[in-house]
């Protein structure tokens, strides 16, 4: 009886997946990344931003939800920034959950989309003139492994398999925060990317 219930449950899940026409795919993103920091010392504030290069590779699922398309995914990526001889690199696992609205344009589709991105920092390393000066900054209390961002943009579906698009991942949480004796410094990561996706 237990085996029959298990088989029935698996069959039901298969039928639900088939009816929903869930598709899977892989994607790659690359483009400029930015580390934005803000310093507040004795009531005086200053902000600055350093740019670098970022990339992401991962997999996703396209799940129809009425007229909308839900696209959860997981990816491995890196964001970097440089200021003179100093450079910093943040490596993460990202979990975006995008919600899109497909719009037909002739034989093509444009899909504006928006959604949260959860990130888990794996390593954050600094270099001066190409020489590593830190093993992993996440070992210090000021550096936060958890990242929360808001990602938005649009994908242009060339056919049922290939899509190209542009996205901006705006960091909402501080991955660096230091606060002591009237001095506060905090920093966030942002990422502007060209995205290429292939759906099976």
C-alpha atoms as a PDB file:
ATOM      1  CA  UNK A   1       0.000   0.000   0.000  1.00  0.00           C
ATOM      2  CA  UNK A   2       2.864   2.373   0.862  1.00  0.00           C
ATOM      3  CA  UNK A   3       4.496   1.653  -2.506  1.00  0.00           C
ATOM      4  CA  UNK A   4       1.242   2.346  -4.317  1.00  0.00           C
ATOM      5  CA  UNK A   5       0.842   5.687  -2.547  1.00  0.00           C
ATOM      6  CA  UNK A   6       4.403   6.645  -3.463  1.00  0.00           C
ATOM      7  CA  UNK A   7       3.852   5.711  -7.116  1.00  0.00           C
ATOM      8  CA  UNK A   8       0.578   7.628  -7.185  1.00  0.00           C
ATOM      9  CA  UNK A   9       2.291  10.701  -5.733  1.00  0.00           C
ATOM     10  CA  UNK A  10       5.098  10.531  -8.305  1.00  0.00           C
ATOM     11  CA  UNK A  11       2.570  10.122 -11.110  1.00  0.00           C
ATOM     12  CA  UNK A  12       0.616  13.139  -9.868  1.00  0.00           C
ATOM     13  CA  UNK A  13       3.772  15.273  -9.736  1.00  0.00           C
ATOM     14  CA  UNK A  14       4.689  14.169 -13.256  1.00  0.00           C
ATOM     15  CA  UNK A  15       1.233  15.075 -14.559  1.00  0.00           C
ATOM     16  CA  UNK A  16       1.338  18.476 -12.860  1.00  0.00           C
ATOM     17  CA  UNK A  17       4.760  19.190 -14.351  1.00  0.00           C
ATOM     18  CA  UNK A  18       3.613  18.086 -17.807  1.00  0.00           C
ATOM     19  CA  UNK A  19       0.456  20.230 -17.666  1.00  0.00           C
ATOM     20  CA  UNK A  20       2.403  23.249 -16.477  1.00  0.00           C
ATOM     21  CA  UNK A  21       4.857  22.787 -19.399  1.00  0.00           C
ATOM     22  CA  UNK A  22       7.864  23.471 -17.198  1.00  0.00           C
ATOM     23  CA  UNK A  23      11.056  23.992 -19.192  1.00  0.00           C
ATOM     24  CA  UNK A  24      14.665  24.044 -18.021  1.00  0.00           C
ATOM     25  CA  UNK A  25      17.647  25.954 -19.292  1.00  0.00           C
ATOM     26  CA  UNK A  26      21.130  27.315 -18.739  1.00  0.00           C
ATOM     27  CA  UNK A  27      22.294  30.924 -18.792  1.00  0.00           C
ATOM     28  CA  UNK A  28      25.447  33.031 -18.694  1.00  0.00           C
ATOM     29  CA  UNK A  29      25.766  36.695 -17.711  1.00  0.00           C
ATOM     30  CA  UNK A  30      28.656  39.122 -17.958  1.00  0.00           C
ATOM     31  CA  UNK A  31      29.151  42.848 -17.597  1.00  0.00           C
ATOM     32  CA  UNK A  32      30.334  45.632 -15.291  1.00  0.00           C
ATOM     33  CA  UNK A  33      30.025  45.219 -11.521  1.00  0.00           C
ATOM     34  CA  UNK A  34      30.212  47.988  -8.940  1.00  0.00           C
ATOM     35  CA  UNK A  35      31.098  48.179  -5.266  1.00  0.00           C
ATOM     36  CA  UNK A  36      29.357  51.196  -3.706  1.00  0.00           C
ATOM     37  CA  UNK A  37      30.475  52.344  -0.272  1.00  0.00           C
ATOM     38  CA  UNK A  38      29.234  55.043   2.094  1.00  0.00           C
ATOM     39  CA  UNK A  39      31.159  56.552   5.008  1.00  0.00           C
ATOM     40  CA  UNK A  40      29.593  58.574   7.827  1.00  0.00           C
ATOM     41  CA  UNK A  41      32.076  60.177  10.263  1.00  0.00           C
ATOM     42  CA  UNK A  42      30.787  62.540  12.943  1.00  0.00           C
ATOM     43  CA  UNK A  43      27.709  63.392  10.882  1.00  0.00           C
ATOM     44  CA  UNK A  44      29.620  64.004   7.629  1.00  0.00           C
ATOM     45  CA  UNK A  45      28.761  61.546   4.833  1.00  0.00           C
ATOM     46  CA  UNK A  46      30.638  60.608   1.673  1.00  0.00           C
ATOM     47  CA  UNK A  47      29.910  58.005  -1.005  1.00  0.00           C
ATOM     48  CA  UNK A  48      31.985  56.454  -3.752  1.00  0.00           C
ATOM     49  CA  UNK A  49      31.787  53.599  -6.226  1.00  0.00           C
ATOM     50  CA  UNK A  50      34.467  51.450  -7.865  1.00  0.00           C
ATOM     51  CA  UNK A  51      33.836  49.417 -10.991  1.00  0.00           C
ATOM     52  CA  UNK A  52      35.088  46.105 -12.290  1.00  0.00           C
ATOM     53  CA  UNK A  53      33.891  43.026 -14.149  1.00  0.00           C
ATOM     54  CA  UNK A  54      31.365  40.379 -13.163  1.00  0.00           C
ATOM     55  CA  UNK A  55      29.932  37.134 -14.493  1.00  0.00           C
ATOM     56  CA  UNK A  56      27.388  34.425 -13.646  1.00  0.00           C
ATOM     57  CA  UNK A  57      26.711  30.921 -14.976  1.00  0.00           C
ATOM     58  CA  UNK A  58      23.834  28.739 -13.882  1.00  0.00           C
ATOM     59  CA  UNK A  59      20.573  26.940 -14.548  1.00  0.00           C
ATOM     60  CA  UNK A  60      16.909  27.903 -14.312  1.00  0.00           C
ATOM     61  CA  UNK A  61      13.352  26.660 -14.764  1.00  0.00           C
ATOM     62  CA  UNK A  62      10.573  28.393 -16.709  1.00  0.00           C
ATOM     63  CA  UNK A  63       7.235  27.794 -14.968  1.00  0.00           C
ATOM     64  CA  UNK A  64       4.039  29.178 -16.568  1.00  0.00           C
ATOM     65  CA  UNK A  65       1.792  30.981 -14.063  1.00  0.00           C
ATOM     66  CA  UNK A  66      -1.229  32.171 -16.007  1.00  0.00           C
ATOM     67  CA  UNK A  67      -0.083  35.017 -18.273  1.00  0.00           C
ATOM     68  CA  UNK A  68       3.117  35.355 -16.270  1.00  0.00           C
ATOM     69  CA  UNK A  69       6.304  33.290 -16.238  1.00  0.00           C
ATOM     70  CA  UNK A  70       8.045  32.335 -13.008  1.00  0.00           C
ATOM     71  CA  UNK A  71      11.765  31.663 -13.365  1.00  0.00           C
ATOM     72  CA  UNK A  72      13.655  30.415 -10.294  1.00  0.00           C
ATOM     73  CA  UNK A  73      17.316  29.620 -10.764  1.00  0.00           C
ATOM     74  CA  UNK A  74      20.698  29.058  -9.203  1.00  0.00           C
ATOM     75  CA  UNK A  75      24.057  30.353 -10.401  1.00  0.00           C
ATOM     76  CA  UNK A  76      27.709  30.668  -9.509  1.00  0.00           C
ATOM     77  CA  UNK A  77      29.327  34.033 -10.113  1.00  0.00           C
ATOM     78  CA  UNK A  78      31.804  36.752  -9.284  1.00  0.00           C
ATOM     79  CA  UNK A  79      31.764  40.534  -8.920  1.00  0.00           C
ATOM     80  CA  UNK A  80      34.916  42.639  -8.797  1.00  0.00           C
ATOM     81  CA  UNK A  81      35.960  46.259  -8.374  1.00  0.00           C
ATOM     82  CA  UNK A  82      39.225  48.132  -8.785  1.00  0.00           C
ATOM     83  CA  UNK A  83      40.643  51.381  -7.422  1.00  0.00           C
ATOM     84  CA  UNK A  84      44.141  52.080  -8.677  1.00  0.00           C
ATOM     85  CA  UNK A  85      46.430  49.196  -7.694  1.00  0.00           C
ATOM     86  CA  UNK A  86      43.819  47.835  -5.268  1.00  0.00           C
ATOM     87  CA  UNK A  87      41.272  45.263  -6.448  1.00  0.00           C
ATOM     88  CA  UNK A  88      38.606  43.227  -4.661  1.00  0.00           C
ATOM     89  CA  UNK A  89      36.682  40.144  -5.790  1.00  0.00           C
ATOM     90  CA  UNK A  90      33.469  38.718  -4.337  1.00  0.00           C
ATOM     91  CA  UNK A  91      32.491  35.152  -5.305  1.00  0.00           C
ATOM     92  CA  UNK A  92      28.917  34.010  -4.610  1.00  0.00           C
ATOM     93  CA  UNK A  93      26.169  31.497  -5.184  1.00  0.00           C
ATOM     94  CA  UNK A  94      23.034  33.353  -6.302  1.00  0.00           C
ATOM     95  CA  UNK A  95      19.386  32.283  -6.218  1.00  0.00           C
ATOM     96  CA  UNK A  96      17.231  34.615  -8.342  1.00  0.00           C
ATOM     97  CA  UNK A  97      13.445  34.227  -8.514  1.00  0.00           C
ATOM     98  CA  UNK A  98      12.235  36.244 -11.486  1.00  0.00           C
ATOM     99  CA  UNK A  99       8.656  36.967 -12.545  1.00  0.00           C
ATOM    100  CA  UNK A 100       8.189  37.925 -16.187  1.00  0.00           C
ATOM    101  CA  UNK A 101       5.402  39.008 -18.504  1.00  0.00           C
ATOM    102  CA  UNK A 102       5.878  37.774 -22.113  1.00  0.00           C
ATOM    103  CA  UNK A 103       4.811  40.236 -24.818  1.00  0.00           C
ATOM    104  CA  UNK A 104       4.511  38.983 -28.409  1.00  0.00           C
ATOM    105  CA  UNK A 105       6.213  41.108 -31.073  1.00  0.00           C
ATOM    106  CA  UNK A 106       5.611  39.356 -34.375  1.00  0.00           C
ATOM    107  CA  UNK A 107       7.363  35.996 -34.177  1.00  0.00           C
ATOM    108  CA  UNK A 108       9.475  37.133 -31.201  1.00  0.00           C
ATOM    109  CA  UNK A 109       8.726  37.706 -27.522  1.00  0.00           C
ATOM    110  CA  UNK A 110       9.884  40.450 -25.185  1.00  0.00           C
ATOM    111  CA  UNK A 111       9.783  39.514 -21.516  1.00  0.00           C
ATOM    112  CA  UNK A 112      10.183  42.294 -18.931  1.00  0.00           C
ATOM    113  CA  UNK A 113      10.985  40.692 -15.570  1.00  0.00           C
ATOM    114  CA  UNK A 114      11.605  41.535 -11.954  1.00  0.00           C
ATOM    115  CA  UNK A 115      12.468  39.595  -8.828  1.00  0.00           C
ATOM    116  CA  UNK A 116      14.598  39.163  -5.704  1.00  0.00           C
ATOM    117  CA  UNK A 117      18.085  37.671  -5.647  1.00  0.00           C
ATOM    118  CA  UNK A 118      19.456  35.854  -2.619  1.00  0.00           C
ATOM    119  CA  UNK A 119      23.212  35.456  -2.490  1.00  0.00           C
ATOM    120  CA  UNK A 120      25.612  33.443  -0.351  1.00  0.00           C
ATOM    121  CA  UNK A 121      29.188  34.708  -0.320  1.00  0.00           C
ATOM    122  CA  UNK A 122      31.875  32.051  -0.749  1.00  0.00           C
ATOM    123  CA  UNK A 123      35.013  34.177  -0.806  1.00  0.00           C
ATOM    124  CA  UNK A 124      35.960  37.852  -0.779  1.00  0.00           C
ATOM    125  CA  UNK A 125      39.605  38.494  -1.621  1.00  0.00           C
ATOM    126  CA  UNK A 126      41.679  41.641  -1.999  1.00  0.00           C
ATOM    127  CA  UNK A 127      44.800  42.268  -4.048  1.00  0.00           C
ATOM    128  CA  UNK A 128      47.329  45.074  -4.419  1.00  0.00           C
ATOM    129  CA  UNK A 129      49.102  45.271  -7.758  1.00  0.00           C
ATOM    130  CA  UNK A 130      47.982  41.692  -8.512  1.00  0.00           C
ATOM    131  CA  UNK A 131      49.345  40.254  -5.248  1.00  0.00           C
ATOM    132  CA  UNK A 132      46.829  38.683  -2.856  1.00  0.00           C
ATOM    133  CA  UNK A 133      46.758  40.355   0.554  1.00  0.00           C
ATOM    134  CA  UNK A 134      43.792  38.542   2.155  1.00  0.00           C
ATOM    135  CA  UNK A 135      42.694  34.889   2.115  1.00  0.00           C
ATOM    136  CA  UNK A 136      38.960  35.423   2.690  1.00  0.00           C
ATOM    137  CA  UNK A 137      37.466  38.583   4.123  1.00  0.00           C
ATOM    138  CA  UNK A 138      34.292  36.713   5.104  1.00  0.00           C
ATOM    139  CA  UNK A 139      36.207  35.410   8.099  1.00  0.00           C
ATOM    140  CA  UNK A 140      35.973  38.936   9.596  1.00  0.00           C
ATOM    141  CA  UNK A 141      32.769  39.999  11.361  1.00  0.00           C
ATOM    142  CA  UNK A 142      32.401  43.154   9.245  1.00  0.00           C
ATOM    143  CA  UNK A 143      31.886  41.133   6.050  1.00  0.00           C
ATOM    144  CA  UNK A 144      28.445  39.532   5.618  1.00  0.00           C
ATOM    145  CA  UNK A 145      28.039  36.373   3.565  1.00  0.00           C
ATOM    146  CA  UNK A 146      24.319  36.928   2.977  1.00  0.00           C
ATOM    147  CA  UNK A 147      23.348  39.248   0.124  1.00  0.00           C
ATOM    148  CA  UNK A 148      19.885  40.426  -0.884  1.00  0.00           C
ATOM    149  CA  UNK A 149      19.269  42.233  -4.156  1.00  0.00           C
ATOM    150  CA  UNK A 150      16.534  43.266  -6.567  1.00  0.00           C
ATOM    151  CA  UNK A 151      17.031  42.236 -10.174  1.00  0.00           C
ATOM    152  CA  UNK A 152      15.134  43.728 -13.098  1.00  0.00           C
ATOM    153  CA  UNK A 153      15.443  43.860 -16.868  1.00  0.00           C
ATOM    154  CA  UNK A 154      14.099  42.215 -19.992  1.00  0.00           C
ATOM    155  CA  UNK A 155      14.766  39.186 -22.171  1.00  0.00           C
ATOM    156  CA  UNK A 156      14.253  39.101 -25.943  1.00  0.00           C
ATOM    157  CA  UNK A 157      13.294  35.584 -27.023  1.00  0.00           C
ATOM    158  CA  UNK A 158      14.690  34.971 -30.517  1.00  0.00           C
ATOM    159  CA  UNK A 159      13.040  31.537 -30.731  1.00  0.00           C
ATOM    160  CA  UNK A 160      11.804  28.834 -28.352  1.00  0.00           C
ATOM    161  CA  UNK A 161      15.366  28.031 -27.273  1.00  0.00           C
ATOM    162  CA  UNK A 162      17.538  31.175 -27.376  1.00  0.00           C
ATOM    163  CA  UNK A 163      17.017  34.467 -25.539  1.00  0.00           C
ATOM    164  CA  UNK A 164      19.192  37.553 -25.027  1.00  0.00           C
ATOM    165  CA  UNK A 165      18.663  40.280 -22.470  1.00  0.00           C
ATOM    166  CA  UNK A 166      19.894  42.992 -20.160  1.00  0.00           C
ATOM    167  CA  UNK A 167      19.559  42.982 -16.350  1.00  0.00           C
ATOM    168  CA  UNK A 168      20.553  45.123 -13.409  1.00  0.00           C
ATOM    169  CA  UNK A 169      21.047  43.506 -10.000  1.00  0.00           C
ATOM    170  CA  UNK A 170      20.744  46.236  -7.360  1.00  0.00           C
ATOM    171  CA  UNK A 171      22.232  45.342  -3.986  1.00  0.00           C
ATOM    172  CA  UNK A 172      19.855  46.146  -1.129  1.00  0.00           C
ATOM    173  CA  UNK A 173      21.771  44.668   1.794  1.00  0.00           C
ATOM    174  CA  UNK A 174      25.179  45.732   3.078  1.00  0.00           C
ATOM    175  CA  UNK A 175      27.800  43.031   2.618  1.00  0.00           C
ATOM    176  CA  UNK A 176      30.285  45.149   4.517  1.00  0.00           C
ATOM    177  CA  UNK A 177      29.479  47.135   7.645  1.00  0.00           C
ATOM    178  CA  UNK A 178      31.810  48.675  10.193  1.00  0.00           C
ATOM    179  CA  UNK A 179      30.579  50.887  13.033  1.00  0.00           C
ATOM    180  CA  UNK A 180      32.712  52.201  15.891  1.00  0.00           C
ATOM    181  CA  UNK A 181      33.218  55.483  17.790  1.00  0.00           C
ATOM    182  CA  UNK A 182      31.136  57.706  15.508  1.00  0.00           C
ATOM    183  CA  UNK A 183      32.589  56.195  12.328  1.00  0.00           C
ATOM    184  CA  UNK A 184      30.387  54.039  10.096  1.00  0.00           C
ATOM    185  CA  UNK A 185      31.241  52.476   6.761  1.00  0.00           C
ATOM    186  CA  UNK A 186      29.056  50.154   4.695  1.00  0.00           C
ATOM    187  CA  UNK A 187      29.156  48.729   1.192  1.00  0.00           C
ATOM    188  CA  UNK A 188      26.925  47.042  -1.388  1.00  0.00           C
ATOM    189  CA  UNK A 189      27.491  45.240  -4.664  1.00  0.00           C
ATOM    190  CA  UNK A 190      25.641  45.972  -7.933  1.00  0.00           C
ATOM    191  CA  UNK A 191      25.831  44.162 -11.273  1.00  0.00           C
ATOM    192  CA  UNK A 192      24.770  45.213 -14.798  1.00  0.00           C
ATOM    193  CA  UNK A 193      24.788  42.255 -17.150  1.00  0.00           C
ATOM    194  CA  UNK A 194      24.172  41.016 -20.646  1.00  0.00           C
ATOM    195  CA  UNK A 195      22.408  37.653 -20.401  1.00  0.00           C
ATOM    196  CA  UNK A 196      22.311  34.769 -22.862  1.00  0.00           C
ATOM    197  CA  UNK A 197      19.931  31.890 -22.082  1.00  0.00           C
ATOM    198  CA  UNK A 198      19.263  28.555 -23.751  1.00  0.00           C
ATOM    199  CA  UNK A 199      16.062  26.655 -22.923  1.00  0.00           C
ATOM    200  CA  UNK A 200      15.854  22.922 -23.632  1.00  0.00           C
END
